[in-house]
């Protein structure tokens, strides 16, 4: 029988891999991992915009003093399915090279107009460059890597220059943004020194990002605030909110994973107050302040991170917290047995049984050794005390505010029932329920159910003489004010009940599917008939129109009375 081998479109595959990165700064992550694996101790990272060619061209340069690459390793650098990355055991010790382990990471360099590599190893210096890799891949062509042996004396080190990277979008390559990314999402920001204080890792980065003139020297290791759990001392720092500076730490190295006896995790768990975070993290956005590129809120970054190679991959905050408690946590769980997707974006290749076992292990350690520790209990007790005081003060302020608003409230009395002028949608529902209780036939429909948590607010029927099994049911939506954009569909909508609207006769109203209807406003006749202004959403294509009951005008016209201010007691 005839046979054939499955074929691969290598250009399409390379282009997809080069584009399959969620954050453009991942080029920094891959470069630093390679430099560290090459035993570099000094790494220079520069990002700048070159204006010399008439265009704003983003240029990224990574220069290290590592072991460099020989000719085969250079080919693997540009190739797919090869890598010269060092394999390490659970203790972080190198156990050899792993050519073929992955090889996807360096393909992020192909998302550019040119890649230039100068690498020195032993007595050989190689110079290679790749012209227009992204453009060629888009055309279905695999670009050629041109390289040569130069006469320069080799001694070790690699310089990679990437031009036209990320279609020259350089917004996230400011100095501050790169610095933050390095300390959070690269091997250089590892917390392994916290796990094992005796670890000797003497690596520095000389950083210069876009828009910065001066270089900055960065030291190895993730940034944490100093531990401070003395409430009395913290009150001296901040008498009102001492817990804002509270910092506690728990470290559990090489913890065996439940049901996986040969698998271990390292745990670094910090509990930090919000102001303590800001003493070392300038990228946390201050409320009411202008946003700067790369800034984020605490809830967007902090919590419980799962890591491989001590690089955070995914957050699993619910393992250790409910609601928003996790915003106080600055925690990392490292497991070298995790299997990552090719772009290192998630743990999608890790067996679910291992993820479940790690979760079980973490939950157990949190419950038995963290949440019941003296430091954690001290924090929780102080938090409850402060919250109690703040709640009492807040409730008193709220009581005085509500009392003032109550005395200022405008009311309308009908048949001995006092209707309150609404300030929110719930007030519209209150008026509607009271009016239908006084006169069930007032609006021509019967309310059979209401639920404002999702979707339409009311379910009604106009077939009041029939039982619900046979009656036709429709929706009614409540609004404090009806505007041009209606956030539901017009289908199955019998009416809209609102307090007020500023829309004029003939204006267009759109539903969430962009269906358009025109508002028709008809004043009541001079004598007899309808006693109030009619508001209707009319359609030229649908068989039914939608009535709008504008309570503010309906009550004044139908009952001939206006809302009036209360008389203060």
Protein backbone atom coordinates (compact mmCIF):
# COMPACT_ATOMS: atom_id res chain seq x y z
CA UNK A 1 0.00 0.00 0.00
CA UNK A 2 1.26 3.55 -0.70
CA UNK A 3 2.49 5.53 2.29
CA UNK A 4 3.44 9.08 3.03
CA UNK A 5 5.02 10.95 5.91
CA UNK A 6 3.18 13.82 7.61
CA UNK A 7 4.60 17.08 6.36
CA UNK A 8 5.31 20.27 8.25
CA UNK A 9 5.29 23.79 6.86
CA UNK A 10 8.45 25.00 8.61
CA UNK A 11 7.99 28.69 7.74
CA UNK A 12 4.43 28.73 9.08
CA UNK A 13 5.53 26.83 12.17
CA UNK A 14 8.38 29.23 12.91
CA UNK A 15 6.13 32.27 12.38
CA UNK A 16 3.49 30.89 14.72
CA UNK A 17 6.04 30.13 17.41
CA UNK A 18 7.69 33.55 17.04
CA UNK A 19 4.29 35.20 17.48
CA UNK A 20 3.05 32.90 20.26
CA UNK A 21 4.17 34.99 23.21
CA UNK A 22 1.73 36.90 25.39
CA UNK A 23 4.14 39.61 26.53
CA UNK A 24 6.71 41.25 24.24
CA UNK A 25 9.12 41.41 27.21
CA UNK A 26 9.42 37.63 27.12
CA UNK A 27 12.41 38.21 24.85
CA UNK A 28 14.17 39.46 28.00
CA UNK A 29 13.14 36.32 29.90
CA UNK A 30 14.53 34.00 27.21
CA UNK A 31 17.76 35.98 26.84
CA UNK A 32 18.46 36.01 30.58
CA UNK A 33 17.73 32.28 30.91
CA UNK A 34 20.24 31.54 28.17
CA UNK A 35 22.87 33.87 29.66
CA UNK A 36 22.49 32.38 33.13
CA UNK A 37 22.66 28.85 31.73
CA UNK A 38 25.88 29.92 29.97
CA UNK A 39 27.33 30.78 33.42
CA UNK A 40 27.38 34.52 32.74
CA UNK A 41 28.09 36.73 35.74
CA UNK A 42 27.68 40.08 34.01
CA UNK A 43 24.74 40.73 31.66
CA UNK A 44 23.94 44.00 29.93
CA UNK A 45 20.39 44.63 28.76
CA UNK A 46 19.63 47.69 26.66
CA UNK A 47 16.46 48.77 24.90
CA UNK A 48 16.37 51.97 22.88
CA UNK A 49 14.73 53.57 19.87
CA UNK A 50 16.99 54.18 16.89
CA UNK A 51 15.95 57.24 14.85
CA UNK A 52 18.94 57.18 12.49
CA UNK A 53 17.10 55.53 9.58
CA UNK A 54 14.14 57.90 9.59
CA UNK A 55 11.90 55.41 11.40
CA UNK A 56 11.46 54.74 15.10
CA UNK A 57 13.18 51.35 15.27
CA UNK A 58 13.13 49.42 18.55
CA UNK A 59 16.51 47.87 19.26
CA UNK A 60 17.21 45.37 22.04
CA UNK A 61 20.76 44.36 22.93
CA UNK A 62 21.70 41.57 25.35
CA UNK A 63 25.39 41.21 26.06
CA UNK A 64 26.88 38.66 28.49
CA UNK A 65 30.24 37.27 29.54
CA UNK A 66 29.08 33.66 29.52
CA UNK A 67 30.60 30.62 27.85
CA UNK A 68 29.46 31.60 24.36
CA UNK A 69 28.43 29.25 21.54
CA UNK A 70 30.35 27.07 19.15
CA UNK A 71 29.19 26.45 15.60
CA UNK A 72 26.76 23.64 16.48
CA UNK A 73 25.28 25.56 19.39
CA UNK A 74 24.83 28.59 17.13
CA UNK A 75 22.85 26.42 14.71
CA UNK A 76 20.73 25.13 17.56
CA UNK A 77 20.16 28.72 18.70
CA UNK A 78 18.52 29.58 15.38
CA UNK A 79 16.98 26.14 14.82
CA UNK A 80 13.81 24.53 16.15
CA UNK A 81 13.65 21.47 18.39
CA UNK A 82 17.18 21.91 19.73
CA UNK A 83 18.56 23.60 22.78
CA UNK A 84 21.86 23.78 24.63
CA UNK A 85 20.19 24.61 27.89
CA UNK A 86 21.59 22.86 30.94
CA UNK A 87 19.43 20.30 32.67
CA UNK A 88 19.37 20.52 36.45
CA UNK A 89 18.29 18.20 39.20
CA UNK A 90 15.94 19.06 42.08
CA UNK A 91 18.78 20.72 43.96
CA UNK A 92 19.59 22.98 41.03
CA UNK A 93 22.83 21.17 40.18
CA UNK A 94 23.76 20.94 36.52
CA UNK A 95 23.59 17.39 35.20
CA UNK A 96 24.39 17.97 31.54
CA UNK A 97 23.10 19.45 28.32
CA UNK A 98 19.65 18.67 26.94
CA UNK A 99 19.74 19.29 23.20
CA UNK A 100 16.19 18.88 21.91
CA UNK A 101 14.52 19.67 25.24
CA UNK A 102 12.60 22.63 23.84
CA UNK A 103 14.17 25.22 21.57
CA UNK A 104 11.07 27.40 21.19
CA UNK A 105 12.21 30.27 23.39
CA UNK A 106 14.82 31.82 21.10
CA UNK A 107 12.34 31.87 18.22
CA UNK A 108 10.87 34.99 19.80
CA UNK A 109 13.86 36.78 18.21
CA UNK A 110 12.32 36.06 14.79
CA UNK A 111 9.61 38.63 15.57
CA UNK A 112 11.92 41.33 14.20
CA UNK A 113 13.57 42.80 11.10
CA UNK A 114 17.11 41.67 11.95
CA UNK A 115 18.93 39.46 14.45
CA UNK A 116 22.66 39.93 14.89
CA UNK A 117 24.72 37.53 17.06
CA UNK A 118 28.40 37.77 18.00
CA UNK A 119 29.54 34.90 20.19
CA UNK A 120 32.96 33.90 21.47
CA UNK A 121 33.89 30.48 22.76
CA UNK A 122 37.39 29.25 23.35
CA UNK A 123 39.65 30.68 20.63
CA UNK A 124 36.79 31.20 18.11
CA UNK A 125 34.54 34.16 17.45
CA UNK A 126 31.44 33.70 15.28
CA UNK A 127 29.33 36.48 13.78
CA UNK A 128 25.86 35.54 12.50
CA UNK A 129 22.93 37.58 11.32
CA UNK A 130 19.41 36.97 10.11
CA UNK A 131 17.80 39.55 7.82
CA UNK A 132 14.05 40.18 7.75
CA UNK A 133 13.04 36.95 9.53
CA UNK A 134 9.44 38.01 10.19
CA UNK A 135 8.85 39.34 6.67
CA UNK A 136 10.30 36.20 5.09
CA UNK A 137 8.29 33.87 7.30
CA UNK A 138 5.12 35.74 6.38
CA UNK A 139 5.98 35.07 2.74
CA UNK A 140 6.41 31.38 3.48
CA UNK A 141 10.21 31.53 3.21
CA UNK A 142 12.72 30.29 5.77
CA UNK A 143 15.38 32.98 6.07
CA UNK A 144 19.06 32.11 5.73
CA UNK A 145 21.40 32.60 8.66
CA UNK A 146 24.65 34.08 7.36
CA UNK A 147 27.67 33.62 9.61
CA UNK A 148 31.43 33.79 9.56
CA UNK A 149 34.46 33.19 11.72
CA UNK A 150 36.04 36.51 12.52
CA UNK A 151 39.60 37.35 13.36
CA UNK A 152 38.66 38.57 16.81
CA UNK A 153 40.22 36.78 19.71
CA UNK A 154 37.69 34.56 21.46
CA UNK A 155 37.43 34.21 25.20
CA UNK A 156 33.70 33.79 25.98
CA UNK A 157 30.54 35.81 25.81
CA UNK A 158 27.62 36.55 23.51
CA UNK A 159 26.07 39.76 22.19
CA UNK A 160 22.62 39.57 20.62
CA UNK A 161 21.16 42.60 18.85
CA UNK A 162 17.53 42.48 17.74
CA UNK A 163 16.25 45.30 15.52
CA UNK A 164 12.67 46.16 14.60
CA UNK A 165 11.39 43.89 17.35
CA UNK A 166 7.64 43.64 18.05
CA UNK A 167 6.80 45.81 15.02
CA UNK A 168 8.68 48.61 16.84
CA UNK A 169 6.08 48.87 19.61
CA UNK A 170 8.26 49.94 22.51
CA UNK A 171 5.71 51.01 25.13
CA UNK A 172 6.53 48.15 27.57
CA UNK A 173 10.29 48.58 27.18
CA UNK A 174 10.67 51.60 29.45
CA UNK A 175 13.43 51.21 32.02
CA UNK A 176 10.99 50.80 34.92
CA UNK A 177 8.83 48.30 33.04
CA UNK A 178 11.79 46.09 32.07
CA UNK A 179 13.20 46.24 35.58
CA UNK A 180 9.87 45.13 37.04
CA UNK A 181 9.58 42.30 34.52
CA UNK A 182 13.12 41.10 35.23
CA UNK A 183 12.47 40.82 38.97
CA UNK A 184 9.09 39.12 38.56
CA UNK A 185 9.20 36.89 35.48
CA UNK A 186 12.79 35.91 34.72
CA UNK A 187 15.38 33.55 36.16
CA UNK A 188 17.27 36.59 37.45
CA UNK A 189 14.31 37.37 39.74
CA UNK A 190 14.47 33.94 41.34
CA UNK A 191 13.64 33.55 45.05
CA UNK A 192 16.02 30.59 45.40
CA UNK A 193 18.36 32.57 47.67
CA UNK A 194 15.46 32.82 50.12
CA UNK A 195 14.96 29.06 49.91
CA UNK A 196 18.66 28.36 50.44
CA UNK A 197 20.55 31.36 51.88
CA UNK A 198 23.86 29.59 51.29
CA UNK A 199 23.32 29.62 47.52
CA UNK A 200 26.10 31.54 45.81
CA UNK A 201 24.79 33.30 42.71
CA UNK A 202 26.95 36.25 41.79
CA UNK A 203 25.26 37.72 38.75
CA UNK A 204 24.55 41.36 37.97
CA UNK A 205 22.57 43.03 35.21
CA UNK A 206 23.44 46.42 33.80
CA UNK A 207 20.08 47.75 32.60
CA UNK A 208 19.19 50.69 30.42
CA UNK A 209 15.64 50.89 29.10
CA UNK A 210 13.89 53.12 26.58
CA UNK A 211 13.82 56.76 27.61
CA UNK A 212 16.58 56.43 30.22
CA UNK A 213 20.04 57.97 29.98
CA UNK A 214 21.66 56.34 32.99
CA UNK A 215 22.43 52.66 33.49
CA UNK A 216 21.29 50.81 36.61
CA UNK A 217 23.00 47.83 38.21
CA UNK A 218 20.60 45.13 39.40
CA UNK A 219 21.45 42.45 41.93
CA UNK A 220 20.26 38.87 41.62
CA UNK A 221 17.10 37.75 43.36
CA UNK A 222 13.44 38.66 43.76
CA UNK A 223 12.68 41.70 45.89
CA UNK A 224 10.95 41.33 49.26
CA UNK A 225 10.50 43.80 52.13
CA UNK A 226 12.26 43.18 55.47
CA UNK A 227 10.28 41.13 57.99
CA UNK A 228 8.54 43.18 60.70
CA UNK A 229 5.82 41.58 62.84
CA UNK A 230 6.09 43.78 65.96
CA UNK A 231 2.72 45.54 66.14
CA UNK A 232 3.97 47.97 68.80
CA UNK A 233 6.85 49.10 66.59
CA UNK A 234 4.55 49.33 63.58
CA UNK A 235 2.18 51.60 65.48
CA UNK A 236 5.09 53.98 65.85
CA UNK A 237 5.41 53.98 62.07
CA UNK A 238 1.68 54.29 61.40
CA UNK A 239 -0.62 54.70 64.44
CA UNK A 240 -3.76 54.48 62.29
CA UNK A 241 -2.95 51.49 60.05
CA UNK A 242 0.06 49.62 61.47
CA UNK A 243 -0.78 46.48 59.49
CA UNK A 244 0.01 48.37 56.28
CA UNK A 245 3.69 47.82 57.18
CA UNK A 246 3.35 44.30 58.62
CA UNK A 247 5.61 41.70 56.95
CA UNK A 248 5.85 38.03 57.92
CA UNK A 249 7.71 35.25 56.13
CA UNK A 250 7.54 31.45 55.95
CA UNK A 251 10.03 29.35 53.96
CA UNK A 252 9.71 25.59 53.40
CA UNK A 253 12.45 24.16 51.16
CA UNK A 254 12.22 20.76 49.48
CA UNK A 255 8.77 19.76 50.75
CA UNK A 256 7.68 16.32 49.45
CA UNK A 257 4.51 16.38 47.36
CA UNK A 258 1.68 14.24 48.73
CA UNK A 259 1.32 10.97 46.74
CA UNK A 260 4.42 11.86 44.65
CA UNK A 261 7.35 10.72 46.86
CA UNK A 262 10.04 11.65 44.30
CA UNK A 263 8.68 15.14 43.68
CA UNK A 264 9.45 18.19 45.82
CA UNK A 265 8.37 21.80 46.05
CA UNK A 266 10.00 24.89 47.52
CA UNK A 267 7.69 27.38 49.23
CA UNK A 268 8.39 31.05 49.90
CA UNK A 269 5.39 32.74 51.50
CA UNK A 270 5.28 36.41 52.51
CA UNK A 271 2.36 38.20 54.16
CA UNK A 272 2.73 41.91 53.36
CA UNK A 273 0.82 45.09 54.14
CA UNK A 274 0.05 47.40 51.24
CA UNK A 275 2.49 50.14 52.24
CA UNK A 276 5.24 47.57 52.85
CA UNK A 277 4.83 46.47 49.22
CA UNK A 278 5.32 50.02 47.99
CA UNK A 279 8.64 50.37 49.84
CA UNK A 280 10.28 48.11 47.22
CA UNK A 281 7.77 48.07 44.34
CA UNK A 282 7.35 51.40 42.56
CA UNK A 283 5.15 49.87 39.86
CA UNK A 284 2.08 49.54 42.10
CA UNK A 285 -0.36 52.20 41.00
CA UNK A 286 -1.46 54.72 43.62
CA UNK A 287 -5.17 55.38 43.62
CA UNK A 288 -6.14 58.74 42.15
CA UNK A 289 -2.73 59.13 40.53
CA UNK A 290 -2.02 59.18 36.80
CA UNK A 291 -1.15 55.80 35.30
CA UNK A 292 2.38 55.26 34.03
CA UNK A 293 3.39 52.60 31.47
CA UNK A 294 3.76 49.18 33.06
CA UNK A 295 2.01 50.01 36.34
CA UNK A 296 -0.55 47.63 37.84
CA UNK A 297 -2.85 47.20 40.82
CA UNK A 298 -1.96 44.90 43.71
CA UNK A 299 -4.67 42.41 42.74
CA UNK A 300 -3.21 42.15 39.24
CA UNK A 301 0.17 40.89 40.43
CA UNK A 302 0.22 39.54 43.99
CA UNK A 303 -1.04 36.23 45.33
CA UNK A 304 0.19 32.63 45.06
CA UNK A 305 2.37 31.87 42.01
CA UNK A 306 3.31 28.43 40.72
CA UNK A 307 6.85 28.43 39.31
CA UNK A 308 9.34 26.38 37.39
CA UNK A 309 13.03 27.34 37.46
CA UNK A 310 11.74 29.84 40.07
CA UNK A 311 10.01 31.76 37.27
CA UNK A 312 6.32 32.50 38.05
CA UNK A 313 4.00 30.85 35.53
CA UNK A 314 0.44 30.76 36.89
CA UNK A 315 -1.42 32.15 39.91
CA UNK A 316 -3.55 29.84 42.07
CA UNK A 317 -4.80 32.26 44.73
CA UNK A 318 -7.81 30.20 45.77
CA UNK A 319 -5.53 27.53 47.19
CA UNK A 320 -4.74 29.74 50.18
CA UNK A 321 -7.42 32.42 50.32
CA UNK A 322 -11.04 33.32 49.88
CA UNK A 323 -12.38 36.66 48.62
CA UNK A 324 -9.56 39.21 48.35
CA UNK A 325 -7.29 38.02 51.19
CA UNK A 326 -4.73 36.87 48.63
CA UNK A 327 -3.80 40.48 47.83
CA UNK A 328 -1.81 40.42 51.08
CA UNK A 329 0.16 37.37 49.95
CA UNK A 330 3.44 37.41 48.04
CA UNK A 331 4.07 33.70 47.60
CA UNK A 332 5.89 31.30 45.26
CA UNK A 333 5.64 27.52 44.89
CA UNK A 334 8.48 26.12 42.77
CA UNK A 335 8.32 22.62 41.32
CA UNK A 336 10.85 21.38 38.78
CA UNK A 337 8.47 18.59 37.76
CA UNK A 338 5.99 20.99 36.23
CA UNK A 339 5.72 20.65 32.45
CA UNK A 340 5.20 23.92 30.60
CA UNK A 341 3.79 24.71 27.21
CA UNK A 342 6.41 25.60 24.59
CA UNK A 343 6.00 29.34 25.15
CA UNK A 344 6.22 28.88 28.96
CA UNK A 345 2.89 30.68 29.33
CA UNK A 346 1.10 28.05 31.43
CA UNK A 347 1.29 24.59 33.02
CA UNK A 348 -0.84 23.02 30.29
CA UNK A 349 1.52 20.05 29.79
CA UNK A 350 1.61 19.14 33.49
CA UNK A 351 -0.48 16.06 34.41
CA UNK A 352 -3.60 17.14 36.34
CA UNK A 353 -2.83 14.54 38.99
CA UNK A 354 0.41 16.34 39.82
CA UNK A 355 -1.31 19.75 39.96
CA UNK A 356 -3.93 18.29 42.31
CA UNK A 357 -1.24 16.75 44.51
CA UNK A 358 0.70 20.02 44.72
CA UNK A 359 -2.52 21.84 45.62
CA UNK A 360 -3.24 19.31 48.36
CA UNK A 361 0.29 19.72 49.70
CA UNK A 362 0.15 23.53 49.66
CA UNK A 363 -3.26 23.63 51.32
CA UNK A 364 -2.02 21.31 54.05
CA UNK A 365 1.11 23.37 54.74
CA UNK A 366 -0.88 26.61 54.73
CA UNK A 367 -3.42 25.20 57.19
CA UNK A 368 -0.97 23.50 59.57
CA UNK A 369 2.15 25.68 59.47
CA UNK A 370 1.20 29.15 58.23
CA UNK A 371 -2.35 30.15 59.14
CA UNK A 372 -2.02 28.80 62.70
CA UNK A 373 1.42 30.32 63.34
CA UNK A 374 1.89 33.09 65.92
CA UNK A 375 2.72 35.67 63.23
CA UNK A 376 -0.38 34.91 61.17
CA UNK A 377 -2.67 34.83 64.22
CA UNK A 378 -1.18 38.14 65.39
CA UNK A 379 -1.92 39.70 62.01
CA UNK A 380 -5.48 38.33 61.92
CA UNK A 381 -6.29 39.50 65.47
CA UNK A 382 -4.98 43.00 64.78
CA UNK A 383 -6.83 43.07 61.49
CA UNK A 384 -10.12 42.15 63.17
CA UNK A 385 -9.56 44.80 65.82
CA UNK A 386 -8.83 47.51 63.25
CA UNK A 387 -11.72 46.40 61.06
CA UNK A 388 -14.04 46.51 64.05
CA UNK A 389 -13.04 50.09 64.85
CA UNK A 390 -13.25 51.12 61.21
CA UNK A 391 -16.61 49.40 60.78
CA UNK A 392 -18.07 51.20 63.79
CA UNK A 393 -16.81 54.56 62.52
CA UNK A 394 -18.02 53.79 59.00
CA UNK A 395 -21.45 52.74 60.22
CA UNK A 396 -21.82 55.93 62.27
CA UNK A 397 -20.88 58.07 59.26
CA UNK A 398 -23.27 56.09 57.09
CA UNK A 399 -26.07 56.50 59.65
CA UNK A 400 -25.61 60.27 59.73
CA UNK A 401 -25.49 60.42 55.93
CA UNK A 402 -28.64 58.35 55.53
CA UNK A 403 -30.43 60.39 58.19
CA UNK A 404 -29.61 63.60 56.34
CA UNK A 405 -30.73 62.17 53.01
CA UNK A 406 -33.92 60.84 54.59
CA UNK A 407 -34.87 64.25 55.89
CA UNK A 408 -34.15 65.74 52.49
CA UNK A 409 -36.06 63.00 50.67
CA UNK A 410 -38.84 63.97 48.26
CA UNK A 411 -42.02 61.94 48.71
CA UNK A 412 -45.45 61.47 47.14
CA UNK A 413 -48.41 60.14 49.14
CA UNK A 414 -51.10 58.13 47.34
CA UNK A 415 -54.00 56.63 49.31
CA UNK A 416 -51.97 56.83 52.48
CA UNK A 417 -48.92 55.13 50.94
CA UNK A 418 -45.70 57.14 50.87
CA UNK A 419 -43.64 56.73 47.69
CA UNK A 420 -39.98 57.75 47.93
CA UNK A 421 -38.23 59.46 45.02
CA UNK A 422 -35.63 56.89 43.86
CA UNK A 423 -31.88 57.42 43.79
CA UNK A 424 -31.12 54.03 42.27
CA UNK A 425 -32.77 51.24 40.29
CA UNK A 426 -34.03 49.49 43.44
CA UNK A 427 -36.13 52.57 44.17
CA UNK A 428 -37.84 52.19 40.78
CA UNK A 429 -38.79 48.62 41.69
CA UNK A 430 -40.14 49.78 45.06
CA UNK A 431 -42.45 52.36 43.44
CA UNK A 432 -43.61 49.87 40.82
CA UNK A 433 -44.46 47.22 43.44
CA UNK A 434 -46.38 49.71 45.57
CA UNK A 435 -48.37 51.03 42.61
CA UNK A 436 -49.28 47.56 41.37
CA UNK A 437 -50.34 46.60 44.90
CA UNK A 438 -52.66 49.64 45.03
CA UNK A 439 -54.01 49.01 41.53
CA UNK A 440 -53.12 45.65 39.91
CA UNK A 441 -54.52 46.78 36.53
CA UNK A 442 -52.65 50.10 36.42
CA UNK A 443 -50.02 49.04 33.88
CA UNK A 444 -51.81 46.21 32.08
CA UNK A 445 -49.44 43.46 33.21
CA UNK A 446 -48.99 41.24 36.26
CA UNK A 447 -45.57 40.71 37.84
CA UNK A 448 -44.94 37.00 38.33
CA UNK A 449 -41.24 37.11 39.28
CA UNK A 450 -38.38 39.56 39.71
CA UNK A 451 -34.62 39.05 39.89
CA UNK A 452 -32.16 41.93 39.38
CA UNK A 453 -29.01 39.80 39.78
CA UNK A 454 -28.77 38.85 36.11
CA UNK A 455 -30.60 39.60 32.88
CA UNK A 456 -34.00 41.26 32.83
CA UNK A 457 -35.48 42.40 36.13
CA UNK A 458 -39.15 41.37 35.87
CA UNK A 459 -41.10 38.52 34.34
CA UNK A 460 -44.68 39.56 33.62
CA UNK A 461 -47.83 38.37 31.88
CA UNK A 462 -50.59 40.33 30.20
CA UNK A 463 -52.87 37.27 30.22
CA UNK A 464 -53.97 37.82 33.81
CA UNK A 465 -57.06 35.64 33.38
CA UNK A 466 -55.02 32.53 32.56
CA UNK A 467 -52.90 30.31 34.79
CA UNK A 468 -49.12 30.60 34.36
CA UNK A 469 -48.85 27.31 32.47
CA UNK A 470 -50.88 28.78 29.61
CA UNK A 471 -50.17 32.49 29.94
CA UNK A 472 -47.74 34.29 27.63
CA UNK A 473 -44.74 35.58 29.56
CA UNK A 474 -42.54 38.55 28.72
CA UNK A 475 -39.83 40.64 30.31
CA UNK A 476 -39.86 44.12 31.82
CA UNK A 477 -36.58 45.95 32.43
CA UNK A 478 -36.05 48.58 35.14
CA UNK A 479 -33.82 51.62 34.69
CA UNK A 480 -33.14 54.66 36.81
CA UNK A 481 -32.65 56.59 33.56
CA UNK A 482 -33.26 55.32 30.04
CA UNK A 483 -30.38 56.18 27.68
CA UNK A 484 -29.55 55.52 24.04
CA UNK A 485 -27.64 52.31 24.75
CA UNK A 486 -29.89 49.55 26.10
CA UNK A 487 -27.85 46.71 27.63
CA UNK A 488 -30.32 43.90 26.78
CA UNK A 489 -32.10 42.71 23.65
CA UNK A 490 -35.50 44.00 22.56
CA UNK A 491 -36.75 40.44 22.05
CA UNK A 492 -39.46 39.29 24.47
CA UNK A 493 -39.43 42.73 26.08
CA UNK A 494 -42.92 43.98 26.97
CA UNK A 495 -42.00 47.28 28.59
CA UNK A 496 -39.30 49.41 30.18
CA UNK A 497 -40.01 51.10 33.50
CA UNK A 498 -37.65 53.97 34.32
CA UNK A 499 -37.66 56.93 36.64
CA UNK A 500 -36.65 59.47 34.01
CA UNK A 501 -35.21 59.90 30.51
CA UNK A 502 -33.64 62.80 28.70
CA UNK A 503 -34.24 61.26 25.27
CA UNK A 504 -36.29 63.32 22.87
CA UNK A 505 -38.98 62.39 20.40
CA UNK A 506 -37.54 60.55 17.40
CA UNK A 507 -34.19 59.66 18.99
CA UNK A 508 -32.70 56.23 18.31
CA UNK A 509 -32.18 53.59 20.99
CA UNK A 510 -29.95 50.56 20.38
CA UNK A 511 -30.02 47.21 22.16
CA UNK A 512 -26.96 45.03 22.85
CA UNK A 513 -27.27 43.38 19.41
CA UNK A 514 -27.30 46.84 17.76
CA UNK A 515 -30.98 46.55 16.81
CA UNK A 516 -32.36 50.08 16.43
CA UNK A 517 -35.70 51.49 17.52
CA UNK A 518 -37.04 55.03 17.49
CA UNK A 519 -38.59 56.72 20.50
CA UNK A 520 -42.09 58.09 19.90
CA UNK A 521 -43.47 60.48 22.53
CA UNK A 522 -47.20 61.27 22.43
CA UNK A 523 -48.67 63.88 24.76
CA UNK A 524 -52.07 63.11 26.36
CA UNK A 525 -55.10 64.56 24.59
CA UNK A 526 -56.71 67.72 25.93
CA UNK A 527 -59.85 65.89 27.06
CA UNK A 528 -60.60 62.26 27.95
CA UNK A 529 -58.69 59.14 26.94
CA UNK A 530 -55.12 58.63 28.04
CA UNK A 531 -54.17 60.64 31.14
CA UNK A 532 -50.39 60.57 30.73
CA UNK A 533 -47.67 61.02 28.08
CA UNK A 534 -46.99 57.83 26.13
CA UNK A 535 -43.42 56.75 25.42
CA UNK A 536 -42.98 53.93 22.90
CA UNK A 537 -39.98 52.33 21.18
CA UNK A 538 -41.16 51.72 17.63
CA UNK A 539 -39.79 49.26 15.08
CA UNK A 540 -40.27 49.15 11.31
CA UNK A 541 -39.37 45.46 11.12
CA UNK A 542 -40.67 43.82 14.31
CA UNK A 543 -44.38 43.18 15.00
CA UNK A 544 -44.51 44.68 18.49
CA UNK A 545 -43.62 48.04 19.96
CA UNK A 546 -42.21 48.46 23.46
CA UNK A 547 -43.93 50.76 25.94
CA UNK A 548 -41.82 52.90 28.26
CA UNK A 549 -43.28 53.99 31.58
CA UNK A 550 -41.44 57.10 32.76
CA UNK A 551 -42.53 57.15 36.40
CA UNK A 552 -41.51 60.74 37.09
CA UNK A 553 -43.91 62.06 34.45
CA UNK A 554 -46.50 59.27 34.82
CA UNK A 555 -47.09 59.97 38.51
CA UNK A 556 -47.34 63.73 38.01
CA UNK A 557 -49.81 63.40 35.12
CA UNK A 558 -51.83 60.37 36.19
CA UNK A 559 -52.30 61.38 39.81
CA UNK A 560 -51.94 65.12 39.32
CA UNK A 561 -49.36 65.45 42.10
CA UNK A 562 -45.62 66.03 42.35
CA UNK A 563 -42.99 64.73 44.74
CA UNK A 564 -42.41 67.24 47.53
CA UNK A 565 -39.66 67.56 50.15
CA UNK A 566 -40.33 66.10 53.54
CA UNK A 567 -40.94 68.47 56.42
CA UNK A 568 -38.12 68.06 58.95
CA UNK A 569 -39.35 66.77 62.30
